[in-house]
Amino acid sequence: MSTVQITIPEPLQQFVISRIAELGLDCPEQYFEKLLEADQHRKIDDYYMKKVREAIDHDEWVVADEFWKQIDENTRSRRNSRKAKAE
């Protein structure tokens, strides 16, 4: 794992500290990891929503089976990842 240092203003630091307590986390690293994972998931979701919109815009209601299998696989993977972290 690599290390990244960031500098944030005092009000944001206080916000991070309060969020860590609210979420029951142990350290800022866990909070930022959760933020980054959520952003990564949003980016993946945005990609798939874009593909669905493109299909709809082009009247391609029948999208390749492989596309839907990938969505299902990503959803299962994310769910399993969250379960593993919760345990």
N, C-alpha and C. Protein backbone atom coordinates (compact mmCIF):
# COMPACT_ATOMS: atom_id res chain seq x y z
N MET A 1 0.84 -1.17 0.00
CA MET A 1 0.00 0.00 0.00
C MET A 1 0.89 1.24 0.00
N SER A 2 0.49 2.24 -0.74
CA SER A 2 1.28 3.46 -0.76
C SER A 2 0.66 4.51 0.15
N THR A 3 1.45 5.52 0.46
CA THR A 3 1.03 6.58 1.37
C THR A 3 0.84 7.87 0.60
N VAL A 4 -0.24 8.59 0.94
CA VAL A 4 -0.52 9.90 0.36
C VAL A 4 -0.78 10.85 1.51
N GLN A 5 -0.11 11.98 1.49
CA GLN A 5 -0.35 12.98 2.53
C GLN A 5 -1.17 14.12 1.92
N ILE A 6 -2.14 14.59 2.69
CA ILE A 6 -2.93 15.73 2.24
C ILE A 6 -2.99 16.76 3.36
N THR A 7 -3.16 17.98 2.96
CA THR A 7 -3.33 19.07 3.91
C THR A 7 -4.72 19.64 3.68
N ILE A 8 -5.50 19.75 4.75
CA ILE A 8 -6.85 20.29 4.64
C ILE A 8 -7.03 21.40 5.66
N PRO A 9 -7.91 22.34 5.36
CA PRO A 9 -8.16 23.43 6.31
C PRO A 9 -8.79 22.90 7.60
N GLU A 10 -8.62 23.65 8.66
CA GLU A 10 -9.11 23.26 9.98
C GLU A 10 -10.59 22.89 10.00
N PRO A 11 -11.48 23.68 9.36
CA PRO A 11 -12.90 23.30 9.38
C PRO A 11 -13.15 21.92 8.75
N LEU A 12 -12.43 21.60 7.68
CA LEU A 12 -12.59 20.29 7.07
C LEU A 12 -12.01 19.19 7.96
N GLN A 13 -10.93 19.50 8.63
CA GLN A 13 -10.35 18.52 9.55
C GLN A 13 -11.34 18.19 10.65
N GLN A 14 -12.00 19.20 11.18
CA GLN A 14 -13.01 18.96 12.22
C GLN A 14 -14.18 18.13 11.67
N PHE A 15 -14.55 18.40 10.43
CA PHE A 15 -15.62 17.63 9.80
C PHE A 15 -15.21 16.16 9.67
N VAL A 16 -13.98 15.93 9.23
CA VAL A 16 -13.49 14.56 9.08
C VAL A 16 -13.49 13.85 10.43
N ILE A 17 -13.02 14.51 11.45
CA ILE A 17 -12.99 13.93 12.79
C ILE A 17 -14.41 13.57 13.25
N SER A 18 -15.36 14.46 13.00
CA SER A 18 -16.73 14.16 13.42
C SER A 18 -17.32 13.01 12.62
N ARG A 19 -17.03 12.93 11.33
CA ARG A 19 -17.53 11.83 10.49
C ARG A 19 -16.92 10.49 10.92
N ILE A 20 -15.65 10.52 11.28
CA ILE A 20 -15.00 9.29 11.75
C ILE A 20 -15.73 8.76 12.98
N ALA A 21 -16.06 9.66 13.90
CA ALA A 21 -16.78 9.25 15.11
C ALA A 21 -18.19 8.76 14.76
N GLU A 22 -18.89 9.49 13.89
CA GLU A 22 -20.25 9.10 13.51
C GLU A 22 -20.30 7.73 12.86
N LEU A 23 -19.30 7.44 12.05
CA LEU A 23 -19.28 6.18 11.31
C LEU A 23 -18.63 5.03 12.10
N GLY A 24 -18.08 5.37 13.25
CA GLY A 24 -17.45 4.34 14.08
C GLY A 24 -16.15 3.83 13.50
N LEU A 25 -15.44 4.69 12.82
CA LEU A 25 -14.17 4.29 12.21
C LEU A 25 -13.03 4.52 13.20
N ASP A 26 -11.89 3.92 12.91
CA ASP A 26 -10.74 4.03 13.80
C ASP A 26 -9.80 5.18 13.46
N CYS A 27 -9.77 5.57 12.19
CA CYS A 27 -8.77 6.57 11.79
C CYS A 27 -9.17 7.27 10.49
N PRO A 28 -8.54 8.40 10.19
CA PRO A 28 -8.85 9.13 8.97
C PRO A 28 -8.63 8.29 7.70
N GLU A 29 -7.64 7.40 7.74
CA GLU A 29 -7.36 6.57 6.58
C GLU A 29 -8.58 5.75 6.17
N GLN A 30 -9.29 5.21 7.15
CA GLN A 30 -10.50 4.43 6.86
C GLN A 30 -11.58 5.31 6.23
N TYR A 31 -11.71 6.52 6.72
CA TYR A 31 -12.72 7.44 6.18
C TYR A 31 -12.41 7.77 4.73
N PHE A 32 -11.17 8.13 4.46
CA PHE A 32 -10.81 8.49 3.09
C PHE A 32 -10.88 7.28 2.16
N GLU A 33 -10.57 6.11 2.67
CA GLU A 33 -10.70 4.90 1.85
C GLU A 33 -12.17 4.70 1.46
N LYS A 34 -13.08 4.90 2.40
CA LYS A 34 -14.51 4.77 2.11
C LYS A 34 -14.95 5.81 1.08
N LEU A 35 -14.46 7.03 1.21
CA LEU A 35 -14.80 8.07 0.24
C LEU A 35 -14.32 7.70 -1.16
N LEU A 36 -13.10 7.22 -1.25
CA LEU A 36 -12.54 6.86 -2.55
C LEU A 36 -13.27 5.67 -3.17
N GLU A 37 -13.60 4.68 -2.35
CA GLU A 37 -14.35 3.53 -2.86
C GLU A 37 -15.72 3.96 -3.37
N ALA A 38 -16.39 4.84 -2.63
CA ALA A 38 -17.70 5.32 -3.06
C ALA A 38 -17.58 6.07 -4.38
N ASP A 39 -16.55 6.87 -4.52
CA ASP A 39 -16.34 7.62 -5.77
C ASP A 39 -16.07 6.66 -6.92
N GLN A 40 -15.28 5.64 -6.66
CA GLN A 40 -14.98 4.64 -7.68
C GLN A 40 -16.27 3.93 -8.12
N HIS A 41 -17.13 3.60 -7.17
CA HIS A 41 -18.39 2.92 -7.49
C HIS A 41 -19.30 3.85 -8.29
N ARG A 42 -19.32 5.14 -7.93
CA ARG A 42 -20.13 6.10 -8.69
C ARG A 42 -19.66 6.18 -10.13
N LYS A 43 -18.34 6.16 -10.32
CA LYS A 43 -17.80 6.24 -11.68
C LYS A 43 -18.23 5.02 -12.49
N ILE A 44 -18.19 3.85 -11.90
CA ILE A 44 -18.63 2.63 -12.58
C ILE A 44 -20.12 2.72 -12.89
N ASP A 45 -20.91 3.15 -11.91
CA ASP A 45 -22.35 3.30 -12.12
C ASP A 45 -22.63 4.29 -13.24
N ASP A 46 -21.91 5.40 -13.26
CA ASP A 46 -22.09 6.41 -14.31
C ASP A 46 -21.80 5.83 -15.69
N TYR A 47 -20.78 5.00 -15.78
CA TYR A 47 -20.43 4.37 -17.05
C TYR A 47 -21.59 3.51 -17.55
N TYR A 48 -22.14 2.69 -16.67
CA TYR A 48 -23.24 1.81 -17.08
C TYR A 48 -24.51 2.59 -17.39
N MET A 49 -24.78 3.63 -16.63
CA MET A 49 -25.96 4.45 -16.93
C MET A 49 -25.81 5.14 -18.28
N LYS A 50 -24.60 5.56 -18.60
CA LYS A 50 -24.34 6.18 -19.90
C LYS A 50 -24.63 5.18 -21.02
N LYS A 51 -24.18 3.95 -20.84
CA LYS A 51 -24.42 2.91 -21.84
C LYS A 51 -25.90 2.62 -22.01
N VAL A 52 -26.65 2.58 -20.90
CA VAL A 52 -28.08 2.35 -20.98
C VAL A 52 -28.76 3.51 -21.70
N ARG A 53 -28.37 4.75 -21.36
CA ARG A 53 -28.96 5.92 -22.03
C ARG A 53 -28.67 5.90 -23.53
N GLU A 54 -27.44 5.54 -23.89
CA GLU A 54 -27.09 5.46 -25.31
C GLU A 54 -27.95 4.43 -26.02
N ALA A 55 -28.17 3.29 -25.38
CA ALA A 55 -29.01 2.25 -25.97
C ALA A 55 -30.44 2.75 -26.15
N ILE A 56 -30.95 3.43 -25.14
CA ILE A 56 -32.31 3.96 -25.21
C ILE A 56 -32.40 5.02 -26.30
N ASP A 57 -31.42 5.92 -26.35
CA ASP A 57 -31.42 6.99 -27.36
C ASP A 57 -31.39 6.44 -28.78
N HIS A 58 -30.79 5.28 -28.94
CA HIS A 58 -30.67 4.69 -30.28
C HIS A 58 -31.68 3.57 -30.50
N ASP A 59 -32.71 3.54 -29.65
CA ASP A 59 -33.74 2.51 -29.74
C ASP A 59 -33.16 1.10 -29.76
N GLU A 60 -32.09 0.92 -29.01
CA GLU A 60 -31.47 -0.40 -28.88
C GLU A 60 -31.91 -1.01 -27.56
N TRP A 61 -33.17 -1.35 -27.48
CA TRP A 61 -33.70 -1.87 -26.23
C TRP A 61 -33.14 -3.24 -25.89
N VAL A 62 -32.73 -3.96 -26.88
CA VAL A 62 -32.15 -5.27 -26.62
C VAL A 62 -30.64 -5.08 -26.58
N VAL A 63 -30.12 -5.00 -25.38
CA VAL A 63 -28.68 -4.79 -25.20
C VAL A 63 -28.04 -6.16 -25.03
N ALA A 64 -26.82 -6.30 -25.47
CA ALA A 64 -26.13 -7.59 -25.42
C ALA A 64 -26.20 -8.21 -24.03
N ASP A 65 -26.41 -9.52 -24.02
CA ASP A 65 -26.49 -10.27 -22.77
C ASP A 65 -25.23 -10.08 -21.93
N GLU A 66 -24.10 -9.96 -22.58
CA GLU A 66 -22.82 -9.81 -21.88
C GLU A 66 -22.80 -8.53 -21.05
N PHE A 67 -23.41 -7.46 -21.55
CA PHE A 67 -23.49 -6.19 -20.84
C PHE A 67 -24.21 -6.37 -19.50
N TRP A 68 -25.36 -7.04 -19.51
CA TRP A 68 -26.13 -7.24 -18.29
C TRP A 68 -25.42 -8.20 -17.35
N LYS A 69 -24.72 -9.18 -17.89
CA LYS A 69 -23.94 -10.09 -17.05
C LYS A 69 -22.86 -9.31 -16.30
N GLN A 70 -22.22 -8.35 -16.98
CA GLN A 70 -21.18 -7.54 -16.35
C GLN A 70 -21.76 -6.68 -15.23
N ILE A 71 -22.93 -6.11 -15.46
CA ILE A 71 -23.59 -5.32 -14.41
C ILE A 71 -23.86 -6.20 -13.19
N ASP A 72 -24.40 -7.39 -13.43
CA ASP A 72 -24.69 -8.32 -12.35
C ASP A 72 -23.42 -8.71 -11.61
N GLU A 73 -22.37 -8.99 -12.35
CA GLU A 73 -21.09 -9.38 -11.74
C GLU A 73 -20.53 -8.25 -10.88
N ASN A 74 -20.58 -7.03 -11.37
CA ASN A 74 -20.07 -5.88 -10.61
C ASN A 74 -20.89 -5.66 -9.34
N THR A 75 -22.20 -5.81 -9.46
CA THR A 75 -23.08 -5.63 -8.29
C THR A 75 -22.77 -6.68 -7.23
N ARG A 76 -22.64 -7.94 -7.65
CA ARG A 76 -22.33 -9.01 -6.71
C ARG A 76 -20.96 -8.79 -6.06
N SER A 77 -20.00 -8.36 -6.86
CA SER A 77 -18.65 -8.12 -6.34
C SER A 77 -18.66 -7.02 -5.29
N ARG A 78 -19.39 -5.92 -5.57
CA ARG A 78 -19.46 -4.82 -4.61
C ARG A 78 -20.15 -5.27 -3.33
N ARG A 79 -21.23 -6.05 -3.47
CA ARG A 79 -21.95 -6.54 -2.30
C ARG A 79 -21.05 -7.44 -1.46
N ASN A 80 -20.32 -8.34 -2.11
CA ASN A 80 -19.43 -9.24 -1.38
C ASN A 80 -18.29 -8.48 -0.71
N SER A 81 -17.80 -7.45 -1.38
CA SER A 81 -16.73 -6.63 -0.81
C SER A 81 -17.22 -5.92 0.45
N ARG A 82 -18.43 -5.39 0.42
CA ARG A 82 -18.98 -4.71 1.60
C ARG A 82 -19.21 -5.71 2.73
N LYS A 83 -19.71 -6.90 2.38
CA LYS A 83 -19.93 -7.92 3.41
C LYS A 83 -18.63 -8.30 4.09
N ALA A 84 -17.59 -8.51 3.30
CA ALA A 84 -16.28 -8.92 3.83
C ALA A 84 -15.72 -7.85 4.76
N LYS A 85 -15.89 -6.59 4.40
CA LYS A 85 -15.37 -5.50 5.24
C LYS A 85 -16.17 -5.38 6.53
N ALA A 86 -17.46 -5.71 6.47
CA ALA A 86 -18.29 -5.61 7.67
C ALA A 86 -17.98 -6.70 8.67
N GLU A 87 -17.43 -7.81 8.18
CA GLU A 87 -17.15 -8.93 9.09
C GLU A 87 -15.86 -8.79 9.76
